[in-house]
Protein backbone atom coordinates (compact mmCIF):
# COMPACT_ATOMS: atom_id res chain seq x y z
CA UNK A 1 112.67 93.62 125.81
CA UNK A 2 114.81 96.58 124.78
CA UNK A 3 116.07 94.83 121.64
CA UNK A 4 112.44 94.28 120.56
CA UNK A 5 111.76 98.04 120.64
CA UNK A 6 115.03 98.81 118.87
CA UNK A 7 114.09 96.35 116.14
CA UNK A 8 110.66 98.00 115.74
CA UNK A 9 112.32 101.44 115.59
CA UNK A 10 114.89 100.28 113.01
CA UNK A 11 112.22 98.63 110.87
CA UNK A 12 110.00 101.69 111.04
CA UNK A 13 112.88 103.90 109.96
CA UNK A 14 113.63 101.60 107.01
CA UNK A 15 110.00 101.78 105.87
CA UNK A 16 109.87 105.57 106.15
CA UNK A 17 113.11 105.95 104.20
CA UNK A 18 112.13 103.31 101.64
CA UNK A 19 108.80 105.03 100.96
CA UNK A 20 110.40 108.50 100.86
CA UNK A 21 112.88 107.45 98.15
CA UNK A 22 110.41 106.62 95.35
CA UNK A 23 108.10 109.45 96.39
CA UNK A 24 111.09 111.81 96.17
CA UNK A 25 112.05 110.46 92.74
CA UNK A 26 108.46 110.92 91.56
CA UNK A 27 108.23 114.45 92.95
CA UNK A 28 111.53 115.43 91.33
CA UNK A 29 110.42 114.00 87.98
CA UNK A 30 107.09 115.83 88.27
CA UNK A 31 108.86 119.08 89.15
CA UNK A 32 111.25 118.79 86.20
CA UNK A 33 108.46 117.97 83.73
CA UNK A 34 105.54 120.01 85.09
CA UNK A 35 105.79 122.69 82.41
CA UNK A 36 105.55 120.05 79.69
CA UNK A 37 102.90 117.74 81.16
CA UNK A 38 100.20 119.69 79.31
CA UNK A 39 101.28 117.84 76.18
CA UNK A 40 99.05 114.97 77.30
CA UNK A 41 95.98 117.12 76.64
CA UNK A 42 97.29 118.26 73.24
CA UNK A 43 98.07 114.90 71.65
CA UNK A 44 95.87 112.11 70.38
CA UNK A 45 95.67 109.30 72.93
CA UNK A 46 94.50 105.72 72.44
CA UNK A 47 91.29 104.21 73.78
CA UNK A 48 91.29 103.53 77.54
CA UNK A 49 93.49 106.57 78.17
CA UNK A 50 92.74 107.73 81.71
CA UNK A 51 92.28 111.41 82.56
CA UNK A 52 95.51 113.24 83.42
CA UNK A 53 94.29 113.68 87.01
CA UNK A 54 94.51 109.92 87.58
CA UNK A 55 98.25 109.64 86.93
CA UNK A 56 99.57 111.35 90.09
CA UNK A 57 97.12 109.39 92.23
CA UNK A 58 98.14 106.04 90.75
CA UNK A 59 101.84 106.87 90.88
CA UNK A 60 101.61 107.91 94.53
CA UNK A 61 100.03 104.58 95.45
CA UNK A 62 102.59 102.70 93.35
CA UNK A 63 105.52 104.58 94.91
CA UNK A 64 104.24 103.70 98.38
CA UNK A 65 103.88 100.02 97.42
CA UNK A 66 107.36 100.08 95.89
CA UNK A 67 108.80 101.58 99.05
CA UNK A 68 107.06 99.11 101.36
CA UNK A 69 108.21 96.25 99.15
CA UNK A 70 111.83 97.40 99.09
CA UNK A 71 111.83 97.86 102.89
CA UNK A 72 110.52 94.33 103.33
CA UNK A 73 113.37 92.98 101.21
CA UNK A 74 115.93 95.20 102.91
CA UNK A 75 114.77 94.06 106.35
CA UNK A 76 115.00 90.40 105.29
CA UNK A 77 118.24 90.79 103.34
CA UNK A 78 120.15 88.41 105.62
CA UNK A 79 117.82 85.52 104.79
CA UNK A 80 118.72 85.62 101.06
CA UNK A 81 121.57 88.16 100.72
CA UNK A 82 122.32 87.56 97.03
CA UNK A 83 118.71 87.85 95.89
CA UNK A 84 118.05 90.79 98.20
CA UNK A 85 121.06 92.66 96.84
CA UNK A 86 120.18 91.86 93.23
CA UNK A 87 116.52 92.71 93.74
CA UNK A 88 117.30 96.02 95.40
CA UNK A 89 119.80 96.75 92.61
CA UNK A 90 117.20 96.09 89.91
CA UNK A 91 114.73 98.19 91.89
CA UNK A 92 117.21 101.09 92.07
CA UNK A 93 117.77 100.84 88.31
CA UNK A 94 114.01 100.82 87.77
CA UNK A 95 113.68 104.05 89.76
CA UNK A 96 116.33 105.66 87.57
CA UNK A 97 114.64 104.37 84.40
CA UNK A 98 111.26 105.54 85.70
CA UNK A 99 112.65 109.02 86.35
CA UNK A 100 114.35 109.18 82.94
CA UNK A 101 111.17 108.11 81.12
CA UNK A 102 109.35 111.24 82.34
CA UNK A 103 112.11 113.45 80.97
CA UNK A 104 112.29 111.57 77.67
CA UNK A 105 108.51 111.59 77.15
CA UNK A 106 107.47 115.01 78.45
CA UNK A 107 110.52 117.22 78.04
CA UNK A 108 112.24 115.70 75.01
CA UNK A 109 108.99 114.41 73.47
CA UNK A 110 110.84 111.47 72.00
CA UNK A 111 107.88 109.11 72.12
CA UNK A 112 109.62 106.24 70.31
CA UNK A 113 112.60 106.29 72.64
CA UNK A 114 110.24 106.64 75.60
CA UNK A 115 108.43 103.48 74.51
CA UNK A 116 111.70 101.54 74.29
CA UNK A 117 112.61 102.96 77.69
CA UNK A 118 109.35 101.55 79.08
CA UNK A 119 110.28 98.12 77.73
CA UNK A 120 113.58 98.40 79.62
CA UNK A 121 111.72 99.58 82.73
CA UNK A 122 109.31 96.64 82.55
CA UNK A 123 112.26 94.25 82.23
CA UNK A 124 113.87 95.77 85.35
CA UNK A 125 110.60 95.49 87.28
CA UNK A 126 110.19 91.84 86.30
CA UNK A 127 113.76 91.12 87.38
CA UNK A 128 113.04 92.90 90.67
CA UNK A 129 109.93 90.77 91.22
CA UNK A 130 111.80 87.54 90.50
CA UNK A 131 114.58 88.41 92.97
CA UNK A 132 112.18 89.72 95.60
CA UNK A 133 110.18 86.50 95.37
CA UNK A 134 113.19 84.59 96.72
CA UNK A 135 113.35 86.94 99.73
CA UNK A 136 109.69 87.77 100.41
CA UNK A 137 106.71 86.63 98.40
CA UNK A 138 104.63 89.54 99.73
CA UNK A 139 107.30 92.04 98.63
CA UNK A 140 107.27 90.50 95.15
CA UNK A 141 103.47 90.66 94.96
CA UNK A 142 103.52 94.34 95.95
CA UNK A 143 105.59 95.05 92.82
CA UNK A 144 103.03 93.50 90.46
CA UNK A 145 100.78 96.60 90.28
CA UNK A 146 103.87 98.58 89.24
CA UNK A 147 104.57 96.11 86.43
CA UNK A 148 100.94 96.14 85.29
CA UNK A 149 100.81 99.95 85.29
CA UNK A 150 104.07 100.22 83.34
CA UNK A 151 102.77 97.68 80.81
CA UNK A 152 99.62 99.82 80.50
CA UNK A 153 101.83 102.91 80.11
CA UNK A 154 103.59 101.04 77.30
CA UNK A 155 100.22 100.54 75.58
CA UNK A 156 99.45 104.26 75.99
CA UNK A 157 102.91 105.28 74.79
CA UNK A 158 102.70 103.02 71.73
CA UNK A 159 99.20 104.33 70.99
CA UNK A 160 100.52 107.90 71.17
CA UNK A 161 103.28 107.01 68.67
CA UNK A 162 100.74 105.50 66.26
CA UNK A 163 98.16 108.29 66.61
CA UNK A 164 100.56 111.20 66.41
């Protein structure tokens, strides 16, 4: 019976840590770009552009889903160790790319490079999904909203390039 409670405790800790990591990355990116985020209201944006208020809400939900998904894979890593390791590696690279995109777009205002960076980010997310699928189908499915949102961000980014 004791091992059951230890397993629950260990799993809970992995979920808390896994959710804290992307939330921390997002908060750091927001902190480092907050003085330049007003650019969104000063540039021409394409049709379907959501209000600026929506972005932190969507990203918070996505970061939580990303964290839950990575914890699921981490906790099942022994079932498919190669795919778990690769998937978590792609996921880590996607977090770095996600962080860098904010700096490139908001602080550097290099919209063209930011768009190419989103293409790289989408590639990393797709690779993550494919690896996660071998470990946990649910974990892979939880990454799909992230991929869809980044594809939508690519549309917005490209529209900003064209309109500005």
